């Protein structure tokens, strides 16, 4: 649910990378 950043026209959100468990 958490926003991460906003650059130009792109909004970023925190995500988890499925079975890899990558948090980015």
PDBML (XML) file of the C-alpha atoms, coordinates in Angstrom:
<?xml version="1.0" encoding="UTF-8" ?>
<PDBx:datablock datablockName="MODEL"
   xmlns:PDBx="http://pdbml.pdb.org/schema/pdbx-v50.xsd"
   xmlns:xsi="http://www.w3.org/2001/XMLSchema-instance"
   xsi:schemaLocation="http://pdbml.pdb.org/schema/pdbx-v50.xsd pdbx-v50.xsd">
   <PDBx:atom_siteCategory>
      <PDBx:atom_site id="1">
         <PDBx:B_iso_or_equiv>0.00</PDBx:B_iso_or_equiv>
         <PDBx:Cartn_x>0.000</PDBx:Cartn_x>
         <PDBx:Cartn_y>0.000</PDBx:Cartn_y>
         <PDBx:Cartn_z>0.000</PDBx:Cartn_z>
         <PDBx:auth_asym_id>A</PDBx:auth_asym_id>
         <PDBx:auth_atom_id>CA</PDBx:auth_atom_id>
         <PDBx:auth_comp_id>UNK</PDBx:auth_comp_id>
         <PDBx:auth_seq_id>1</PDBx:auth_seq_id>
         <PDBx:group_PDB>ATOM</PDBx:group_PDB>
         <PDBx:label_alt_id xsi:nil="true" />
         <PDBx:label_asym_id>A</PDBx:label_asym_id>
         <PDBx:label_atom_id>CA</PDBx:label_atom_id>
         <PDBx:label_comp_id>UNK</PDBx:label_comp_id>
         <PDBx:label_entity_id>1</PDBx:label_entity_id>
         <PDBx:label_seq_id>1</PDBx:label_seq_id>
         <PDBx:occupancy>1.00</PDBx:occupancy>
         <PDBx:pdbx_PDB_model_num>1</PDBx:pdbx_PDB_model_num>
         <PDBx:type_symbol>C</PDBx:type_symbol>
      </PDBx:atom_site>
      <PDBx:atom_site id="2">
         <PDBx:B_iso_or_equiv>0.00</PDBx:B_iso_or_equiv>
         <PDBx:Cartn_x>3.011</PDBx:Cartn_x>
         <PDBx:Cartn_y>2.285</PDBx:Cartn_y>
         <PDBx:Cartn_z>0.542</PDBx:Cartn_z>
         <PDBx:auth_asym_id>A</PDBx:auth_asym_id>
         <PDBx:auth_atom_id>CA</PDBx:auth_atom_id>
         <PDBx:auth_comp_id>UNK</PDBx:auth_comp_id>
         <PDBx:auth_seq_id>2</PDBx:auth_seq_id>
         <PDBx:group_PDB>ATOM</PDBx:group_PDB>
         <PDBx:label_alt_id xsi:nil="true" />
         <PDBx:label_asym_id>A</PDBx:label_asym_id>
         <PDBx:label_atom_id>CA</PDBx:label_atom_id>
         <PDBx:label_comp_id>UNK</PDBx:label_comp_id>
         <PDBx:label_entity_id>1</PDBx:label_entity_id>
         <PDBx:label_seq_id>2</PDBx:label_seq_id>
         <PDBx:occupancy>1.00</PDBx:occupancy>
         <PDBx:pdbx_PDB_model_num>1</PDBx:pdbx_PDB_model_num>
         <PDBx:type_symbol>C</PDBx:type_symbol>
      </PDBx:atom_site>
      <PDBx:atom_site id="3">
         <PDBx:B_iso_or_equiv>0.00</PDBx:B_iso_or_equiv>
         <PDBx:Cartn_x>4.264</PDBx:Cartn_x>
         <PDBx:Cartn_y>4.822</PDBx:Cartn_y>
         <PDBx:Cartn_z>-2.001</PDBx:Cartn_z>
         <PDBx:auth_asym_id>A</PDBx:auth_asym_id>
         <PDBx:auth_atom_id>CA</PDBx:auth_atom_id>
         <PDBx:auth_comp_id>UNK</PDBx:auth_comp_id>
         <PDBx:auth_seq_id>3</PDBx:auth_seq_id>
         <PDBx:group_PDB>ATOM</PDBx:group_PDB>
         <PDBx:label_alt_id xsi:nil="true" />
         <PDBx:label_asym_id>A</PDBx:label_asym_id>
         <PDBx:label_atom_id>CA</PDBx:label_atom_id>
         <PDBx:label_comp_id>UNK</PDBx:label_comp_id>
         <PDBx:label_entity_id>1</PDBx:label_entity_id>
         <PDBx:label_seq_id>3</PDBx:label_seq_id>
         <PDBx:occupancy>1.00</PDBx:occupancy>
         <PDBx:pdbx_PDB_model_num>1</PDBx:pdbx_PDB_model_num>
         <PDBx:type_symbol>C</PDBx:type_symbol>
      </PDBx:atom_site>
      <PDBx:atom_site id="4">
         <PDBx:B_iso_or_equiv>0.00</PDBx:B_iso_or_equiv>
         <PDBx:Cartn_x>8.022</PDBx:Cartn_x>
         <PDBx:Cartn_y>4.785</PDBx:Cartn_y>
         <PDBx:Cartn_z>-2.659</PDBx:Cartn_z>
         <PDBx:auth_asym_id>A</PDBx:auth_asym_id>
         <PDBx:auth_atom_id>CA</PDBx:auth_atom_id>
         <PDBx:auth_comp_id>UNK</PDBx:auth_comp_id>
         <PDBx:auth_seq_id>4</PDBx:auth_seq_id>
         <PDBx:group_PDB>ATOM</PDBx:group_PDB>
         <PDBx:label_alt_id xsi:nil="true" />
         <PDBx:label_asym_id>A</PDBx:label_asym_id>
         <PDBx:label_atom_id>CA</PDBx:label_atom_id>
         <PDBx:label_comp_id>UNK</PDBx:label_comp_id>
         <PDBx:label_entity_id>1</PDBx:label_entity_id>
         <PDBx:label_seq_id>4</PDBx:label_seq_id>
         <PDBx:occupancy>1.00</PDBx:occupancy>
         <PDBx:pdbx_PDB_model_num>1</PDBx:pdbx_PDB_model_num>
         <PDBx:type_symbol>C</PDBx:type_symbol>
      </PDBx:atom_site>
      <PDBx:atom_site id="5">
         <PDBx:B_iso_or_equiv>0.00</PDBx:B_iso_or_equiv>
         <PDBx:Cartn_x>8.848</PDBx:Cartn_x>
         <PDBx:Cartn_y>7.753</PDBx:Cartn_y>
         <PDBx:Cartn_z>-4.896</PDBx:Cartn_z>
         <PDBx:auth_asym_id>A</PDBx:auth_asym_id>
         <PDBx:auth_atom_id>CA</PDBx:auth_atom_id>
         <PDBx:auth_comp_id>UNK</PDBx:auth_comp_id>
         <PDBx:auth_seq_id>5</PDBx:auth_seq_id>
         <PDBx:group_PDB>ATOM</PDBx:group_PDB>
         <PDBx:label_alt_id xsi:nil="true" />
         <PDBx:label_asym_id>A</PDBx:label_asym_id>
         <PDBx:label_atom_id>CA</PDBx:label_atom_id>
         <PDBx:label_comp_id>UNK</PDBx:label_comp_id>
         <PDBx:label_entity_id>1</PDBx:label_entity_id>
         <PDBx:label_seq_id>5</PDBx:label_seq_id>
         <PDBx:occupancy>1.00</PDBx:occupancy>
         <PDBx:pdbx_PDB_model_num>1</PDBx:pdbx_PDB_model_num>
         <PDBx:type_symbol>C</PDBx:type_symbol>
      </PDBx:atom_site>
      <PDBx:atom_site id="6">
         <PDBx:B_iso_or_equiv>0.00</PDBx:B_iso_or_equiv>
         <PDBx:Cartn_x>7.700</PDBx:Cartn_x>
         <PDBx:Cartn_y>10.027</PDBx:Cartn_y>
         <PDBx:Cartn_z>-7.706</PDBx:Cartn_z>
         <PDBx:auth_asym_id>A</PDBx:auth_asym_id>
         <PDBx:auth_atom_id>CA</PDBx:auth_atom_id>
         <PDBx:auth_comp_id>UNK</PDBx:auth_comp_id>
         <PDBx:auth_seq_id>6</PDBx:auth_seq_id>
         <PDBx:group_PDB>ATOM</PDBx:group_PDB>
         <PDBx:label_alt_id xsi:nil="true" />
         <PDBx:label_asym_id>A</PDBx:label_asym_id>
         <PDBx:label_atom_id>CA</PDBx:label_atom_id>
         <PDBx:label_comp_id>UNK</PDBx:label_comp_id>
         <PDBx:label_entity_id>1</PDBx:label_entity_id>
         <PDBx:label_seq_id>6</PDBx:label_seq_id>
         <PDBx:occupancy>1.00</PDBx:occupancy>
         <PDBx:pdbx_PDB_model_num>1</PDBx:pdbx_PDB_model_num>
         <PDBx:type_symbol>C</PDBx:type_symbol>
      </PDBx:atom_site>
      <PDBx:atom_site id="7">
         <PDBx:B_iso_or_equiv>0.00</PDBx:B_iso_or_equiv>
         <PDBx:Cartn_x>9.969</PDBx:Cartn_x>
         <PDBx:Cartn_y>10.978</PDBx:Cartn_y>
         <PDBx:Cartn_z>-10.609</PDBx:Cartn_z>
         <PDBx:auth_asym_id>A</PDBx:auth_asym_id>
         <PDBx:auth_atom_id>CA</PDBx:auth_atom_id>
         <PDBx:auth_comp_id>UNK</PDBx:auth_comp_id>
         <PDBx:auth_seq_id>7</PDBx:auth_seq_id>
         <PDBx:group_PDB>ATOM</PDBx:group_PDB>
         <PDBx:label_alt_id xsi:nil="true" />
         <PDBx:label_asym_id>A</PDBx:label_asym_id>
         <PDBx:label_atom_id>CA</PDBx:label_atom_id>
         <PDBx:label_comp_id>UNK</PDBx:label_comp_id>
         <PDBx:label_entity_id>1</PDBx:label_entity_id>
         <PDBx:label_seq_id>7</PDBx:label_seq_id>
         <PDBx:occupancy>1.00</PDBx:occupancy>
         <PDBx:pdbx_PDB_model_num>1</PDBx:pdbx_PDB_model_num>
         <PDBx:type_symbol>C</PDBx:type_symbol>
      </PDBx:atom_site>
      <PDBx:atom_site id="8">
         <PDBx:B_iso_or_equiv>0.00</PDBx:B_iso_or_equiv>
         <PDBx:Cartn_x>8.645</PDBx:Cartn_x>
         <PDBx:Cartn_y>13.014</PDBx:Cartn_y>
         <PDBx:Cartn_z>-13.516</PDBx:Cartn_z>
         <PDBx:auth_asym_id>A</PDBx:auth_asym_id>
         <PDBx:auth_atom_id>CA</PDBx:auth_atom_id>
         <PDBx:auth_comp_id>UNK</PDBx:auth_comp_id>
         <PDBx:auth_seq_id>8</PDBx:auth_seq_id>
         <PDBx:group_PDB>ATOM</PDBx:group_PDB>
         <PDBx:label_alt_id xsi:nil="true" />
         <PDBx:label_asym_id>A</PDBx:label_asym_id>
         <PDBx:label_atom_id>CA</PDBx:label_atom_id>
         <PDBx:label_comp_id>UNK</PDBx:label_comp_id>
         <PDBx:label_entity_id>1</PDBx:label_entity_id>
         <PDBx:label_seq_id>8</PDBx:label_seq_id>
         <PDBx:occupancy>1.00</PDBx:occupancy>
         <PDBx:pdbx_PDB_model_num>1</PDBx:pdbx_PDB_model_num>
         <PDBx:type_symbol>C</PDBx:type_symbol>
      </PDBx:atom_site>
      <PDBx:atom_site id="9">
         <PDBx:B_iso_or_equiv>0.00</PDBx:B_iso_or_equiv>
         <PDBx:Cartn_x>5.496</PDBx:Cartn_x>
         <PDBx:Cartn_y>11.217</PDBx:Cartn_y>
         <PDBx:Cartn_z>-14.603</PDBx:Cartn_z>
         <PDBx:auth_asym_id>A</PDBx:auth_asym_id>
         <PDBx:auth_atom_id>CA</PDBx:auth_atom_id>
         <PDBx:auth_comp_id>UNK</PDBx:auth_comp_id>
         <PDBx:auth_seq_id>9</PDBx:auth_seq_id>
         <PDBx:group_PDB>ATOM</PDBx:group_PDB>
         <PDBx:label_alt_id xsi:nil="true" />
         <PDBx:label_asym_id>A</PDBx:label_asym_id>
         <PDBx:label_atom_id>CA</PDBx:label_atom_id>
         <PDBx:label_comp_id>UNK</PDBx:label_comp_id>
         <PDBx:label_entity_id>1</PDBx:label_entity_id>
         <PDBx:label_seq_id>9</PDBx:label_seq_id>
         <PDBx:occupancy>1.00</PDBx:occupancy>
         <PDBx:pdbx_PDB_model_num>1</PDBx:pdbx_PDB_model_num>
         <PDBx:type_symbol>C</PDBx:type_symbol>
      </PDBx:atom_site>
      <PDBx:atom_site id="10">
         <PDBx:B_iso_or_equiv>0.00</PDBx:B_iso_or_equiv>
         <PDBx:Cartn_x>6.120</PDBx:Cartn_x>
         <PDBx:Cartn_y>7.930</PDBx:Cartn_y>
         <PDBx:Cartn_z>-12.754</PDBx:Cartn_z>
         <PDBx:auth_asym_id>A</PDBx:auth_asym_id>
         <PDBx:auth_atom_id>CA</PDBx:auth_atom_id>
         <PDBx:auth_comp_id>UNK</PDBx:auth_comp_id>
         <PDBx:auth_seq_id>10</PDBx:auth_seq_id>
         <PDBx:group_PDB>ATOM</PDBx:group_PDB>
         <PDBx:label_alt_id xsi:nil="true" />
         <PDBx:label_asym_id>A</PDBx:label_asym_id>
         <PDBx:label_atom_id>CA</PDBx:label_atom_id>
         <PDBx:label_comp_id>UNK</PDBx:label_comp_id>
         <PDBx:label_entity_id>1</PDBx:label_entity_id>
         <PDBx:label_seq_id>10</PDBx:label_seq_id>
         <PDBx:occupancy>1.00</PDBx:occupancy>
         <PDBx:pdbx_PDB_model_num>1</PDBx:pdbx_PDB_model_num>
         <PDBx:type_symbol>C</PDBx:type_symbol>
      </PDBx:atom_site>
      <PDBx:atom_site id="11">
         <PDBx:B_iso_or_equiv>0.00</PDBx:B_iso_or_equiv>
         <PDBx:Cartn_x>4.913</PDBx:Cartn_x>
         <PDBx:Cartn_y>7.036</PDBx:Cartn_y>
         <PDBx:Cartn_z>-9.265</PDBx:Cartn_z>
         <PDBx:auth_asym_id>A</PDBx:auth_asym_id>
         <PDBx:auth_atom_id>CA</PDBx:auth_atom_id>
         <PDBx:auth_comp_id>UNK</PDBx:auth_comp_id>
         <PDBx:auth_seq_id>11</PDBx:auth_seq_id>
         <PDBx:group_PDB>ATOM</PDBx:group_PDB>
         <PDBx:label_alt_id xsi:nil="true" />
         <PDBx:label_asym_id>A</PDBx:label_asym_id>
         <PDBx:label_atom_id>CA</PDBx:label_atom_id>
         <PDBx:label_comp_id>UNK</PDBx:label_comp_id>
         <PDBx:label_entity_id>1</PDBx:label_entity_id>
         <PDBx:label_seq_id>11</PDBx:label_seq_id>
         <PDBx:occupancy>1.00</PDBx:occupancy>
         <PDBx:pdbx_PDB_model_num>1</PDBx:pdbx_PDB_model_num>
         <PDBx:type_symbol>C</PDBx:type_symbol>
      </PDBx:atom_site>
      <PDBx:atom_site id="12">
         <PDBx:B_iso_or_equiv>0.00</PDBx:B_iso_or_equiv>
         <PDBx:Cartn_x>6.709</PDBx:Cartn_x>
         <PDBx:Cartn_y>4.200</PDBx:Cartn_y>
         <PDBx:Cartn_z>-7.508</PDBx:Cartn_z>
         <PDBx:auth_asym_id>A</PDBx:auth_asym_id>
         <PDBx:auth_atom_id>CA</PDBx:auth_atom_id>
         <PDBx:auth_comp_id>UNK</PDBx:auth_comp_id>
         <PDBx:auth_seq_id>12</PDBx:auth_seq_id>
         <PDBx:group_PDB>ATOM</PDBx:group_PDB>
         <PDBx:label_alt_id xsi:nil="true" />
         <PDBx:label_asym_id>A</PDBx:label_asym_id>
         <PDBx:label_atom_id>CA</PDBx:label_atom_id>
         <PDBx:label_comp_id>UNK</PDBx:label_comp_id>
         <PDBx:label_entity_id>1</PDBx:label_entity_id>
         <PDBx:label_seq_id>12</PDBx:label_seq_id>
         <PDBx:occupancy>1.00</PDBx:occupancy>
         <PDBx:pdbx_PDB_model_num>1</PDBx:pdbx_PDB_model_num>
         <PDBx:type_symbol>C</PDBx:type_symbol>
      </PDBx:atom_site>
      <PDBx:atom_site id="13">
         <PDBx:B_iso_or_equiv>0.00</PDBx:B_iso_or_equiv>
         <PDBx:Cartn_x>5.259</PDBx:Cartn_x>
         <PDBx:Cartn_y>1.795</PDBx:Cartn_y>
         <PDBx:Cartn_z>-4.948</PDBx:Cartn_z>
         <PDBx:auth_asym_id>A</PDBx:auth_asym_id>
         <PDBx:auth_atom_id>CA</PDBx:auth_atom_id>
         <PDBx:auth_comp_id>UNK</PDBx:auth_comp_id>
         <PDBx:auth_seq_id>13</PDBx:auth_seq_id>
         <PDBx:group_PDB>ATOM</PDBx:group_PDB>
         <PDBx:label_alt_id xsi:nil="true" />
         <PDBx:label_asym_id>A</PDBx:label_asym_id>
         <PDBx:label_atom_id>CA</PDBx:label_atom_id>
         <PDBx:label_comp_id>UNK</PDBx:label_comp_id>
         <PDBx:label_entity_id>1</PDBx:label_entity_id>
         <PDBx:label_seq_id>13</PDBx:label_seq_id>
         <PDBx:occupancy>1.00</PDBx:occupancy>
         <PDBx:pdbx_PDB_model_num>1</PDBx:pdbx_PDB_model_num>
         <PDBx:type_symbol>C</PDBx:type_symbol>
      </PDBx:atom_site>
      <PDBx:atom_site id="14">
         <PDBx:B_iso_or_equiv>0.00</PDBx:B_iso_or_equiv>
         <PDBx:Cartn_x>6.995</PDBx:Cartn_x>
         <PDBx:Cartn_y>-0.706</PDBx:Cartn_y>
         <PDBx:Cartn_z>-2.658</PDBx:Cartn_z>
         <PDBx:auth_asym_id>A</PDBx:auth_asym_id>
         <PDBx:auth_atom_id>CA</PDBx:auth_atom_id>
         <PDBx:auth_comp_id>UNK</PDBx:auth_comp_id>
         <PDBx:auth_seq_id>14</PDBx:auth_seq_id>
         <PDBx:group_PDB>ATOM</PDBx:group_PDB>
         <PDBx:label_alt_id xsi:nil="true" />
         <PDBx:label_asym_id>A</PDBx:label_asym_id>
         <PDBx:label_atom_id>CA</PDBx:label_atom_id>
         <PDBx:label_comp_id>UNK</PDBx:label_comp_id>
         <PDBx:label_entity_id>1</PDBx:label_entity_id>
         <PDBx:label_seq_id>14</PDBx:label_seq_id>
         <PDBx:occupancy>1.00</PDBx:occupancy>
         <PDBx:pdbx_PDB_model_num>1</PDBx:pdbx_PDB_model_num>
         <PDBx:type_symbol>C</PDBx:type_symbol>
      </PDBx:atom_site>
      <PDBx:atom_site id="15">
         <PDBx:B_iso_or_equiv>0.00</PDBx:B_iso_or_equiv>
         <PDBx:Cartn_x>6.634</PDBx:Cartn_x>
         <PDBx:Cartn_y>-4.247</PDBx:Cartn_y>
         <PDBx:Cartn_z>-4.018</PDBx:Cartn_z>
         <PDBx:auth_asym_id>A</PDBx:auth_asym_id>
         <PDBx:auth_atom_id>CA</PDBx:auth_atom_id>
         <PDBx:auth_comp_id>UNK</PDBx:auth_comp_id>
         <PDBx:auth_seq_id>15</PDBx:auth_seq_id>
         <PDBx:group_PDB>ATOM</PDBx:group_PDB>
         <PDBx:label_alt_id xsi:nil="true" />
         <PDBx:label_asym_id>A</PDBx:label_asym_id>
         <PDBx:label_atom_id>CA</PDBx:label_atom_id>
         <PDBx:label_comp_id>UNK</PDBx:label_comp_id>
         <PDBx:label_entity_id>1</PDBx:label_entity_id>
         <PDBx:label_seq_id>15</PDBx:label_seq_id>
         <PDBx:occupancy>1.00</PDBx:occupancy>
         <PDBx:pdbx_PDB_model_num>1</PDBx:pdbx_PDB_model_num>
         <PDBx:type_symbol>C</PDBx:type_symbol>
      </PDBx:atom_site>
      <PDBx:atom_site id="16">
         <PDBx:B_iso_or_equiv>0.00</PDBx:B_iso_or_equiv>
         <PDBx:Cartn_x>7.728</PDBx:Cartn_x>
         <PDBx:Cartn_y>-7.791</PDBx:Cartn_y>
         <PDBx:Cartn_z>-3.183</PDBx:Cartn_z>
         <PDBx:auth_asym_id>A</PDBx:auth_asym_id>
         <PDBx:auth_atom_id>CA</PDBx:auth_atom_id>
         <PDBx:auth_comp_id>UNK</PDBx:auth_comp_id>
         <PDBx:auth_seq_id>16</PDBx:auth_seq_id>
         <PDBx:group_PDB>ATOM</PDBx:group_PDB>
         <PDBx:label_alt_id xsi:nil="true" />
         <PDBx:label_asym_id>A</PDBx:label_asym_id>
         <PDBx:label_atom_id>CA</PDBx:label_atom_id>
         <PDBx:label_comp_id>UNK</PDBx:label_comp_id>
         <PDBx:label_entity_id>1</PDBx:label_entity_id>
         <PDBx:label_seq_id>16</PDBx:label_seq_id>
         <PDBx:occupancy>1.00</PDBx:occupancy>
         <PDBx:pdbx_PDB_model_num>1</PDBx:pdbx_PDB_model_num>
         <PDBx:type_symbol>C</PDBx:type_symbol>
      </PDBx:atom_site>
      <PDBx:atom_site id="17">
         <PDBx:B_iso_or_equiv>0.00</PDBx:B_iso_or_equiv>
         <PDBx:Cartn_x>9.188</PDBx:Cartn_x>
         <PDBx:Cartn_y>-9.878</PDBx:Cartn_y>
         <PDBx:Cartn_z>-6.000</PDBx:Cartn_z>
         <PDBx:auth_asym_id>A</PDBx:auth_asym_id>
         <PDBx:auth_atom_id>CA</PDBx:auth_atom_id>
         <PDBx:auth_comp_id>UNK</PDBx:auth_comp_id>
         <PDBx:auth_seq_id>17</PDBx:auth_seq_id>
         <PDBx:group_PDB>ATOM</PDBx:group_PDB>
         <PDBx:label_alt_id xsi:nil="true" />
         <PDBx:label_asym_id>A</PDBx:label_asym_id>
         <PDBx:label_atom_id>CA</PDBx:label_atom_id>
         <PDBx:label_comp_id>UNK</PDBx:label_comp_id>
         <PDBx:label_entity_id>1</PDBx:label_entity_id>
         <PDBx:label_seq_id>17</PDBx:label_seq_id>
         <PDBx:occupancy>1.00</PDBx:occupancy>
         <PDBx:pdbx_PDB_model_num>1</PDBx:pdbx_PDB_model_num>
         <PDBx:type_symbol>C</PDBx:type_symbol>
      </PDBx:atom_site>
      <PDBx:atom_site id="18">
         <PDBx:B_iso_or_equiv>0.00</PDBx:B_iso_or_equiv>
         <PDBx:Cartn_x>7.109</PDBx:Cartn_x>
         <PDBx:Cartn_y>-13.016</PDBx:Cartn_y>
         <PDBx:Cartn_z>-5.740</PDBx:Cartn_z>
         <PDBx:auth_asym_id>A</PDBx:auth_asym_id>
         <PDBx:auth_atom_id>CA</PDBx:auth_atom_id>
         <PDBx:auth_comp_id>UNK</PDBx:auth_comp_id>
         <PDBx:auth_seq_id>18</PDBx:auth_seq_id>
         <PDBx:group_PDB>ATOM</PDBx:group_PDB>
         <PDBx:label_alt_id xsi:nil="true" />
         <PDBx:label_asym_id>A</PDBx:label_asym_id>
         <PDBx:label_atom_id>CA</PDBx:label_atom_id>
         <PDBx:label_comp_id>UNK</PDBx:label_comp_id>
         <PDBx:label_entity_id>1</PDBx:label_entity_id>
         <PDBx:label_seq_id>18</PDBx:label_seq_id>
         <PDBx:occupancy>1.00</PDBx:occupancy>
         <PDBx:pdbx_PDB_model_num>1</PDBx:pdbx_PDB_model_num>
         <PDBx:type_symbol>C</PDBx:type_symbol>
      </PDBx:atom_site>
      <PDBx:atom_site id="19">
         <PDBx:B_iso_or_equiv>0.00</PDBx:B_iso_or_equiv>
         <PDBx:Cartn_x>9.040</PDBx:Cartn_x>
         <PDBx:Cartn_y>-16.182</PDBx:Cartn_y>
         <PDBx:Cartn_z>-4.939</PDBx:Cartn_z>
         <PDBx:auth_asym_id>A</PDBx:auth_asym_id>
         <PDBx:auth_atom_id>CA</PDBx:auth_atom_id>
         <PDBx:auth_comp_id>UNK</PDBx:auth_comp_id>
         <PDBx:auth_seq_id>19</PDBx:auth_seq_id>
         <PDBx:group_PDB>ATOM</PDBx:group_PDB>
         <PDBx:label_alt_id xsi:nil="true" />
         <PDBx:label_asym_id>A</PDBx:label_asym_id>
         <PDBx:label_atom_id>CA</PDBx:label_atom_id>
         <PDBx:label_comp_id>UNK</PDBx:label_comp_id>
         <PDBx:label_entity_id>1</PDBx:label_entity_id>
         <PDBx:label_seq_id>19</PDBx:label_seq_id>
         <PDBx:occupancy>1.00</PDBx:occupancy>
         <PDBx:pdbx_PDB_model_num>1</PDBx:pdbx_PDB_model_num>
         <PDBx:type_symbol>C</PDBx:type_symbol>
      </PDBx:atom_site>
      <PDBx:atom_site id="20">
         <PDBx:B_iso_or_equiv>0.00</PDBx:B_iso_or_equiv>
         <PDBx:Cartn_x>12.387</PDBx:Cartn_x>
         <PDBx:Cartn_y>-14.336</PDBx:Cartn_y>
         <PDBx:Cartn_z>-4.930</PDBx:Cartn_z>
         <PDBx:auth_asym_id>A</PDBx:auth_asym_id>
         <PDBx:auth_atom_id>CA</PDBx:auth_atom_id>
         <PDBx:auth_comp_id>UNK</PDBx:auth_comp_id>
         <PDBx:auth_seq_id>20</PDBx:auth_seq_id>
         <PDBx:group_PDB>ATOM</PDBx:group_PDB>
         <PDBx:label_alt_id xsi:nil="true" />
         <PDBx:label_asym_id>A</PDBx:label_asym_id>
         <PDBx:label_atom_id>CA</PDBx:label_atom_id>
         <PDBx:label_comp_id>UNK</PDBx:label_comp_id>
         <PDBx:label_entity_id>1</PDBx:label_entity_id>
         <PDBx:label_seq_id>20</PDBx:label_seq_id>
         <PDBx:occupancy>1.00</PDBx:occupancy>
         <PDBx:pdbx_PDB_model_num>1</PDBx:pdbx_PDB_model_num>
         <PDBx:type_symbol>C</PDBx:type_symbol>
      </PDBx:atom_site>
      <PDBx:atom_site id="21">
         <PDBx:B_iso_or_equiv>0.00</PDBx:B_iso_or_equiv>
         <PDBx:Cartn_x>11.278</PDBx:Cartn_x>
         <PDBx:Cartn_y>-12.194</PDBx:Cartn_y>
         <PDBx:Cartn_z>-1.983</PDBx:Cartn_z>
         <PDBx:auth_asym_id>A</PDBx:auth_asym_id>
         <PDBx:auth_atom_id>CA</PDBx:auth_atom_id>
         <PDBx:auth_comp_id>UNK</PDBx:auth_comp_id>
         <PDBx:auth_seq_id>21</PDBx:auth_seq_id>
         <PDBx:group_PDB>ATOM</PDBx:group_PDB>
         <PDBx:label_alt_id xsi:nil="true" />
         <PDBx:label_asym_id>A</PDBx:label_asym_id>
         <PDBx:label_atom_id>CA</PDBx:label_atom_id>
         <PDBx:label_comp_id>UNK</PDBx:label_comp_id>
         <PDBx:label_entity_id>1</PDBx:label_entity_id>
         <PDBx:label_seq_id>21</PDBx:label_seq_id>
         <PDBx:occupancy>1.00</PDBx:occupancy>
         <PDBx:pdbx_PDB_model_num>1</PDBx:pdbx_PDB_model_num>
         <PDBx:type_symbol>C</PDBx:type_symbol>
      </PDBx:atom_site>
      <PDBx:atom_site id="22">
         <PDBx:B_iso_or_equiv>0.00</PDBx:B_iso_or_equiv>
         <PDBx:Cartn_x>12.955</PDBx:Cartn_x>
         <PDBx:Cartn_y>-9.124</PDBx:Cartn_y>
         <PDBx:Cartn_z>-3.497</PDBx:Cartn_z>
         <PDBx:auth_asym_id>A</PDBx:auth_asym_id>
         <PDBx:auth_atom_id>CA</PDBx:auth_atom_id>
         <PDBx:auth_comp_id>UNK</PDBx:auth_comp_id>
         <PDBx:auth_seq_id>22</PDBx:auth_seq_id>
         <PDBx:group_PDB>ATOM</PDBx:group_PDB>
         <PDBx:label_alt_id xsi:nil="true" />
         <PDBx:label_asym_id>A</PDBx:label_asym_id>
         <PDBx:label_atom_id>CA</PDBx:label_atom_id>
         <PDBx:label_comp_id>UNK</PDBx:label_comp_id>
         <PDBx:label_entity_id>1</PDBx:label_entity_id>
         <PDBx:label_seq_id>22</PDBx:label_seq_id>
         <PDBx:occupancy>1.00</PDBx:occupancy>
         <PDBx:pdbx_PDB_model_num>1</PDBx:pdbx_PDB_model_num>
         <PDBx:type_symbol>C</PDBx:type_symbol>
      </PDBx:atom_site>
      <PDBx:atom_site id="23">
         <PDBx:B_iso_or_equiv>0.00</PDBx:B_iso_or_equiv>
         <PDBx:Cartn_x>11.746</PDBx:Cartn_x>
         <PDBx:Cartn_y>-5.980</PDBx:Cartn_y>
         <PDBx:Cartn_z>-1.697</PDBx:Cartn_z>
         <PDBx:auth_asym_id>A</PDBx:auth_asym_id>
         <PDBx:auth_atom_id>CA</PDBx:auth_atom_id>
         <PDBx:auth_comp_id>UNK</PDBx:auth_comp_id>
         <PDBx:auth_seq_id>23</PDBx:auth_seq_id>
         <PDBx:group_PDB>ATOM</PDBx:group_PDB>
         <PDBx:label_alt_id xsi:nil="true" />
         <PDBx:label_asym_id>A</PDBx:label_asym_id>
         <PDBx:label_atom_id>CA</PDBx:label_atom_id>
         <PDBx:label_comp_id>UNK</PDBx:label_comp_id>
         <PDBx:label_entity_id>1</PDBx:label_entity_id>
         <PDBx:label_seq_id>23</PDBx:label_seq_id>
         <PDBx:occupancy>1.00</PDBx:occupancy>
         <PDBx:pdbx_PDB_model_num>1</PDBx:pdbx_PDB_model_num>
         <PDBx:type_symbol>C</PDBx:type_symbol>
      </PDBx:atom_site>
      <PDBx:atom_site id="24">
         <PDBx:B_iso_or_equiv>0.00</PDBx:B_iso_or_equiv>
         <PDBx:Cartn_x>11.962</PDBx:Cartn_x>
         <PDBx:Cartn_y>-2.917</PDBx:Cartn_y>
         <PDBx:Cartn_z>-3.898</PDBx:Cartn_z>
         <PDBx:auth_asym_id>A</PDBx:auth_asym_id>
         <PDBx:auth_atom_id>CA</PDBx:auth_atom_id>
         <PDBx:auth_comp_id>UNK</PDBx:auth_comp_id>
         <PDBx:auth_seq_id>24</PDBx:auth_seq_id>
         <PDBx:group_PDB>ATOM</PDBx:group_PDB>
         <PDBx:label_alt_id xsi:nil="true" />
         <PDBx:label_asym_id>A</PDBx:label_asym_id>
         <PDBx:label_atom_id>CA</PDBx:label_atom_id>
         <PDBx:label_comp_id>UNK</PDBx:label_comp_id>
         <PDBx:label_entity_id>1</PDBx:label_entity_id>
         <PDBx:label_seq_id>24</PDBx:label_seq_id>
         <PDBx:occupancy>1.00</PDBx:occupancy>
         <PDBx:pdbx_PDB_model_num>1</PDBx:pdbx_PDB_model_num>
         <PDBx:type_symbol>C</PDBx:type_symbol>
      </PDBx:atom_site>
   </PDBx:atom_siteCategory>
</PDBx:datablock>
